[in-house]
Amino acid sequence: MPLYPDIEPYDHGMLDVGDGNHVYWEVCGNPRGKPAVVLHGGPGSGCTPYFRRLFDPAAYRIVLLDQRGCGRSTPHASAYDTDMSVNTTDHLIADLELLRRNLGIERWLVWGVSWGSVLGLRYAQTHPGSVSELVLTGVATGSSPEVALLTRGLGQVFPEAFAQFRDHVPEGERDGDLAAAYNRLLESPDAQVRERAARAWTDWETAMAPASPRSVPRYEDPLFRAAFARIVAHYFAGDHFLGEGNEEGVVLRDAPLLKGIPGTLVQGSLDFGNLLGTVWRLHHAWPDSELVLVDDVGHNAGAPDMQEALVAATDKYAGKGSETEA
């Protein structure tokens, strides 16, 4: 099943969400179609035209946005004076609600990848009346064990790359919370300290792909690299701002709140996040979910077999008919 053709937005803008932040949004597809919102990963990756192609443009009114601090939203997290204290999960959820109301949408399908799946799940748990369905891939829940896996546990799989990642922080912090250590480096008033830390962070991100270090083109953009590393480390160090009980997993704990919301979980069989069993636990705690396991694929929503499964999921929910506007 191929991707849908490339399309361009028919509307876009900058939404004033408060705190001095303006969030970029765009809408494409059918203005009278079923509303869907795309939540990108990272956090801090920003949206790309690729996501538009996962939806039937005749059936869907597709909303994309760049979350606070990244992409075309302002202020950009690459700027040292950008206030990161107003970039939290609660802020992003409030932004989604403001955008939904601003676009006159009653309910929308929520599509999320990686961090976007964390945000989408928490949004659905706290605003179930706003969500018609969920389609999630590269599934994560933002728990402390997941952060520990990504910042230390996978060092056993990629020992050479991990040694470089670990040894970039001061010696006294190498056996502690690496996300917190990097967060401090990325908030340094010294631009060179920030740049070196951002490079070390994205080299580790690339190594976990896995691919040769520095092989991902977006990480060669210094502004993207600086913002991405800063936002991810900020969220990792802050337990994704999910509140008390995150060690056990707030999102998994509150999975019963998803009752009545249909969802499809599209997961690569080789996704390293599977090492914690997160997607299976979520699926079994959420009776209205369907788990689609894609063989021989990792954390990659762009793999051909993943594309096919993701398009099949959006096509299935398109069959439920168009959403009326509020």
Protein backbone atom coordinates (compact mmCIF):
# COMPACT_ATOMS: atom_id res chain seq x y z
CA MET A 1 0.00 0.00 0.00
CA PRO A 2 1.82 3.18 -1.17
CA LEU A 3 1.91 6.51 0.54
CA TYR A 4 -0.58 9.10 -0.61
CA PRO A 5 0.72 11.78 -3.02
CA ASP A 6 2.53 14.88 -1.86
CA ILE A 7 0.15 17.69 -0.96
CA GLU A 8 0.56 21.28 0.18
CA PRO A 9 -1.25 23.06 3.03
CA TYR A 10 -4.28 25.12 2.15
CA ASP A 11 -3.99 27.08 5.39
CA HIS A 12 -1.28 27.81 7.95
CA GLY A 13 -0.42 30.26 10.68
CA MET A 14 1.29 31.08 13.95
CA LEU A 15 -0.82 30.54 17.06
CA ASP A 16 -0.11 32.75 20.06
CA VAL A 17 -0.15 30.22 22.92
CA GLY A 18 1.09 32.60 25.61
CA ASP A 19 4.38 32.77 27.50
CA GLY A 20 5.84 34.60 24.50
CA ASN A 21 5.47 31.46 22.35
CA HIS A 22 3.95 31.19 18.88
CA VAL A 23 3.27 27.70 17.50
CA TYR A 24 3.39 27.06 13.77
CA TRP A 25 0.44 25.06 12.37
CA GLU A 26 -0.79 24.02 8.94
CA VAL A 27 -3.81 22.24 7.51
CA CYS A 28 -4.00 20.18 4.34
CA GLY A 29 -6.32 17.66 2.70
CA ASN A 30 -10.10 18.01 2.63
CA PRO A 31 -11.45 21.05 4.55
CA ARG A 32 -14.62 19.04 5.26
CA GLY A 33 -12.82 15.80 6.03
CA LYS A 34 -12.26 13.92 9.25
CA PRO A 35 -9.91 15.98 11.45
CA ALA A 36 -6.56 14.48 12.40
CA VAL A 37 -3.61 16.05 14.21
CA VAL A 38 -0.01 14.89 13.84
CA LEU A 39 2.31 14.91 16.86
CA HIS A 40 5.97 14.67 15.90
CA GLY A 41 8.68 13.01 17.93
CA GLY A 42 11.82 14.13 19.71
CA PRO A 43 10.60 16.04 21.56
CA GLY A 44 11.89 18.76 19.29
CA SER A 45 11.98 17.06 15.88
CA GLY A 46 9.34 19.22 14.21
CA CYS A 47 6.88 18.14 11.53
CA THR A 48 7.85 17.27 7.97
CA PRO A 49 5.83 16.90 4.74
CA TYR A 50 6.21 13.12 5.00
CA PHE A 51 3.50 12.92 7.65
CA ARG A 52 0.90 14.39 5.28
CA ARG A 53 1.28 11.36 3.02
CA LEU A 54 0.05 8.90 5.66
CA PHE A 55 -3.54 10.18 5.29
CA ASP A 56 -6.03 10.02 2.44
CA PRO A 57 -6.26 13.72 1.48
CA ALA A 58 -9.80 13.22 0.21
CA ALA A 59 -10.94 11.82 3.55
CA TYR A 60 -8.93 13.78 6.12
CA ARG A 61 -8.49 17.35 7.27
CA ILE A 62 -4.85 16.95 8.37
CA VAL A 63 -3.42 19.32 10.98
CA LEU A 64 0.33 19.46 11.58
CA LEU A 65 2.19 21.62 14.07
CA ASP A 66 5.68 22.25 15.35
CA GLN A 67 5.64 21.93 19.11
CA ARG A 68 7.08 24.69 21.28
CA GLY A 69 10.71 25.58 20.68
CA CYS A 70 11.25 23.68 17.44
CA GLY A 71 10.64 23.77 13.71
CA ARG A 72 8.99 27.01 12.65
CA SER A 73 7.62 27.81 16.11
CA THR A 74 9.11 30.71 18.04
CA PRO A 75 11.15 31.35 20.08
CA HIS A 76 13.47 28.56 18.92
CA ALA A 77 15.18 26.47 21.58
CA SER A 78 18.51 26.94 19.78
CA ALA A 79 18.54 30.50 21.17
CA TYR A 80 20.12 30.58 24.63
CA ASP A 81 17.61 33.08 26.01
CA THR A 82 14.59 30.89 25.16
CA ASP A 83 12.74 30.12 28.38
CA MET A 84 12.51 26.34 28.71
CA SER A 85 10.47 26.50 31.92
CA VAL A 86 7.36 27.11 29.79
CA ASN A 87 8.01 24.07 27.61
CA THR A 88 6.45 21.10 29.41
CA THR A 89 3.94 18.37 28.63
CA ASP A 90 1.15 20.38 30.23
CA HIS A 91 2.03 23.39 28.07
CA LEU A 92 1.99 21.27 24.90
CA ILE A 93 -1.37 19.74 25.81
CA ALA A 94 -2.81 23.22 26.42
CA ASP A 95 -1.44 24.29 23.03
CA LEU A 96 -3.25 21.38 21.37
CA GLU A 97 -6.53 22.33 22.97
CA LEU A 98 -6.13 25.97 21.98
CA LEU A 99 -5.34 25.00 18.39
CA ARG A 100 -8.27 22.57 18.24
CA ARG A 101 -10.69 25.24 19.39
CA ASN A 102 -9.12 27.86 17.14
CA LEU A 103 -9.67 25.61 14.10
CA GLY A 104 -13.27 24.89 15.08
CA ILE A 105 -12.70 21.15 15.55
CA GLU A 106 -14.82 19.16 18.00
CA ARG A 107 -12.76 15.95 18.04
CA TRP A 108 -9.79 14.75 16.06
CA LEU A 109 -7.83 11.60 15.45
CA VAL A 110 -4.45 11.92 17.16
CA TRP A 111 -1.45 10.48 15.31
CA GLY A 112 1.85 10.34 17.20
CA VAL A 113 5.35 8.97 16.69
CA SER A 114 7.85 8.21 19.48
CA TRP A 115 7.63 11.19 21.88
CA GLY A 116 4.48 12.13 19.98
CA SER A 117 2.93 8.88 21.20
CA VAL A 118 3.66 9.90 24.81
CA LEU A 119 2.09 13.31 24.22
CA GLY A 120 -0.86 11.80 22.35
CA LEU A 121 -1.57 9.26 25.08
CA ARG A 122 -1.42 11.83 27.86
CA TYR A 123 -3.55 14.25 25.85
CA ALA A 124 -6.18 11.54 25.35
CA GLN A 125 -6.10 10.61 29.03
CA THR A 126 -6.61 14.20 30.17
CA HIS A 127 -8.96 15.32 27.34
CA PRO A 128 -10.80 12.18 26.19
CA GLY A 129 -13.67 14.18 24.75
CA SER A 130 -11.30 15.79 22.24
CA VAL A 131 -9.92 12.54 20.80
CA SER A 132 -11.81 10.29 18.38
CA GLU A 133 -9.03 7.71 17.80
CA LEU A 134 -5.29 7.27 18.30
CA VAL A 135 -2.72 5.96 15.81
CA LEU A 136 0.69 5.61 17.45
CA THR A 137 4.03 4.28 16.28
CA GLY A 138 7.47 3.91 17.86
CA VAL A 139 5.39 3.71 21.02
CA ALA A 140 6.75 5.14 24.26
CA THR A 141 5.13 6.24 27.52
CA GLY A 142 7.78 8.59 28.92
CA SER A 143 8.57 6.60 32.06
CA SER A 144 11.84 6.79 33.98
CA PRO A 145 12.90 3.26 32.94
CA GLU A 146 12.52 4.28 29.30
CA VAL A 147 14.81 7.27 29.82
CA ALA A 148 17.31 5.06 31.66
CA LEU A 149 17.29 2.60 28.76
CA LEU A 150 17.99 5.31 26.19
CA THR A 151 20.65 7.15 28.19
CA ARG A 152 22.47 4.21 29.78
CA GLY A 153 20.98 0.76 29.23
CA LEU A 154 21.68 0.67 25.50
CA GLY A 155 25.32 1.31 26.29
CA GLN A 156 25.66 -2.46 26.52
CA VAL A 157 24.51 -2.73 22.90
CA PHE A 158 26.65 0.15 21.57
CA PRO A 159 29.59 0.26 24.00
CA GLU A 160 31.99 2.37 21.93
CA ALA A 161 29.42 5.05 21.09
CA PHE A 162 28.15 5.02 24.67
CA ALA A 163 31.64 5.55 26.08
CA GLN A 164 31.93 8.71 23.97
CA PHE A 165 28.47 9.86 25.08
CA ARG A 166 29.18 9.18 28.78
CA ASP A 167 32.70 10.61 28.77
CA HIS A 168 31.53 13.94 27.40
CA VAL A 169 30.07 14.87 30.79
CA PRO A 170 32.30 15.78 33.78
CA GLU A 171 33.93 12.74 35.35
CA GLY A 172 32.03 13.07 38.60
CA GLU A 173 28.69 12.84 36.77
CA ARG A 174 29.39 9.87 34.51
CA ASP A 175 27.84 7.31 36.86
CA GLY A 176 24.80 9.44 37.62
CA ASP A 177 21.85 10.87 35.70
CA LEU A 178 23.27 11.47 32.24
CA ALA A 179 20.16 13.28 31.02
CA ALA A 180 20.46 15.77 33.89
CA ALA A 181 24.19 16.18 33.24
CA TYR A 182 23.58 16.93 29.56
CA ASN A 183 20.73 19.24 30.44
CA ARG A 184 23.14 21.32 32.53
CA LEU A 185 25.68 21.41 29.70
CA LEU A 186 23.04 22.41 27.18
CA GLU A 187 21.95 25.26 29.45
CA SER A 188 25.52 26.55 29.86
CA PRO A 189 26.09 30.26 29.14
CA ASP A 190 29.14 29.16 27.12
CA ALA A 191 28.09 28.66 23.48
CA GLN A 192 30.96 26.26 22.81
CA VAL A 193 29.96 24.06 25.75
CA ARG A 194 26.40 23.95 24.42
CA GLU A 195 27.52 23.15 20.87
CA ARG A 196 29.84 20.32 21.93
CA ALA A 197 27.13 18.84 24.16
CA ALA A 198 24.55 19.01 21.36
CA ARG A 199 26.94 17.25 18.99
CA ALA A 200 27.71 14.52 21.54
CA TRP A 201 23.98 14.02 22.19
CA THR A 202 23.04 13.71 18.52
CA ASP A 203 26.00 11.39 17.86
CA TRP A 204 24.53 9.06 20.51
CA GLU A 205 21.05 9.42 19.03
CA THR A 206 22.45 8.41 15.65
CA ALA A 207 24.42 5.48 17.07
CA MET A 208 21.22 4.03 18.53
CA ALA A 209 19.50 4.18 15.11
CA PRO A 210 21.83 2.30 14.37
CA ALA A 211 23.88 4.03 11.71
CA SER A 212 27.32 5.55 11.37
CA PRO A 213 27.78 8.57 13.69
CA ARG A 214 26.74 11.90 12.17
CA SER A 215 25.03 10.24 9.22
CA VAL A 216 21.60 11.84 9.76
CA PRO A 217 21.37 15.03 7.68
CA ARG A 218 19.13 16.94 10.09
CA TYR A 219 21.79 16.70 12.80
CA GLU A 220 24.21 18.55 10.52
CA ASP A 221 22.04 21.68 10.82
CA PRO A 222 23.52 23.45 13.86
CA LEU A 223 20.25 25.17 14.76
CA PHE A 224 18.26 21.95 14.55
CA ARG A 225 20.93 20.09 16.51
CA ALA A 226 21.06 22.69 19.27
CA ALA A 227 17.30 22.88 19.70
CA PHE A 228 16.69 19.15 19.44
CA ALA A 229 19.33 18.16 22.00
CA ARG A 230 18.26 20.91 24.39
CA ILE A 231 14.58 19.99 24.25
CA VAL A 232 15.13 16.24 24.56
CA ALA A 233 17.53 16.60 27.50
CA HIS A 234 15.11 19.07 29.13
CA TYR A 235 12.26 16.54 28.94
CA PHE A 236 14.39 13.53 29.88
CA ALA A 237 15.84 15.34 32.92
CA GLY A 238 12.35 16.44 33.96
CA ASP A 239 10.77 12.96 33.76
CA HIS A 240 8.82 14.27 30.76
CA PHE A 241 6.93 16.51 33.21
CA LEU A 242 4.38 13.77 33.82
CA GLY A 243 4.09 14.26 37.58
CA GLU A 244 4.16 11.90 40.52
CA GLY A 245 4.44 8.17 40.03
CA ASN A 246 6.50 8.33 36.86
CA GLU A 247 8.87 5.56 38.02
CA GLU A 248 5.99 3.13 37.51
CA GLY A 249 4.80 5.02 34.45
CA VAL A 250 2.04 7.61 34.71
CA VAL A 251 0.78 6.90 31.19
CA LEU A 252 0.62 3.14 31.79
CA ARG A 253 -0.92 3.70 35.19
CA ASP A 254 -3.68 5.78 33.65
CA ALA A 255 -4.30 3.50 30.66
CA PRO A 256 -7.86 2.75 31.91
CA LEU A 257 -8.69 6.40 31.15
CA LEU A 258 -8.40 5.52 27.45
CA LYS A 259 -11.47 3.30 27.66
CA GLY A 260 -13.82 3.97 24.76
CA ILE A 261 -11.13 5.51 22.53
CA PRO A 262 -10.13 3.16 19.68
CA GLY A 263 -6.43 3.01 18.91
CA THR A 264 -3.88 1.30 16.71
CA LEU A 265 -0.31 0.73 17.93
CA VAL A 266 2.10 0.14 15.03
CA GLN A 267 5.41 -1.14 16.38
CA GLY A 268 8.59 -2.43 14.76
CA SER A 269 9.66 -5.81 16.12
CA LEU A 270 13.25 -4.54 16.45
CA ASP A 271 12.39 -1.26 18.20
CA PHE A 272 14.69 -1.02 21.22
CA GLY A 273 11.80 0.35 23.27
CA ASN A 274 10.37 -3.18 23.16
CA LEU A 275 13.09 -4.30 25.59
CA LEU A 276 10.93 -2.95 28.42
CA GLY A 277 7.71 -4.50 27.12
CA THR A 278 6.05 -1.08 27.14
CA VAL A 279 3.90 -1.46 24.03
CA TRP A 280 2.59 -4.87 25.12
CA ARG A 281 1.74 -3.62 28.59
CA LEU A 282 -0.06 -0.63 27.13
CA HIS A 283 -1.98 -2.78 24.66
CA HIS A 284 -3.18 -5.16 27.38
CA ALA A 285 -4.14 -2.29 29.70
CA TRP A 286 -6.12 -0.57 26.92
CA PRO A 287 -8.84 -2.95 25.67
CA ASP A 288 -9.84 -0.68 22.79
CA SER A 289 -6.37 -0.86 21.24
CA GLU A 290 -5.04 -2.99 18.39
CA LEU A 291 -1.35 -3.92 18.25
CA VAL A 292 0.21 -4.27 14.79
CA LEU A 293 3.75 -5.69 14.99
CA VAL A 294 5.90 -5.09 11.91
CA ASP A 295 8.67 -7.66 11.48
CA ASP A 296 12.34 -6.74 11.08
CA VAL A 297 11.83 -3.00 11.58
CA GLY A 298 13.24 -0.80 14.33
CA HIS A 299 12.29 2.67 15.55
CA ASN A 300 11.58 3.88 12.02
CA ALA A 301 8.19 5.17 10.89
CA GLY A 302 9.57 5.63 7.39
CA ALA A 303 10.33 1.98 6.68
CA PRO A 304 8.18 0.66 3.80
CA ASP A 305 6.38 -1.98 5.87
CA MET A 306 5.70 0.58 8.59
CA GLN A 307 4.28 2.98 6.02
CA GLU A 308 1.91 0.29 4.82
CA ALA A 309 0.69 -0.45 8.35
CA LEU A 310 0.30 3.24 9.22
CA VAL A 311 -1.66 4.02 6.04
CA ALA A 312 -3.86 0.98 6.70
CA ALA A 313 -4.63 2.36 10.17
CA THR A 314 -5.59 5.83 8.98
CA ASP A 315 -7.62 4.34 6.14
CA LYS A 316 -9.51 2.19 8.62
CA TYR A 317 -10.48 5.16 10.77
CA ALA A 318 -11.37 7.24 7.73
CA GLY A 319 -14.15 4.74 7.14
CA LYS A 320 -15.92 6.08 10.21
CA GLY A 321 -16.96 9.17 8.30
CA SER A 322 -16.17 12.86 8.49
CA GLU A 323 -16.15 14.80 11.72
CA THR A 324 -18.49 17.72 12.00
CA GLU A 325 -17.07 21.10 12.99
CA ALA A 326 -17.91 22.67 16.33
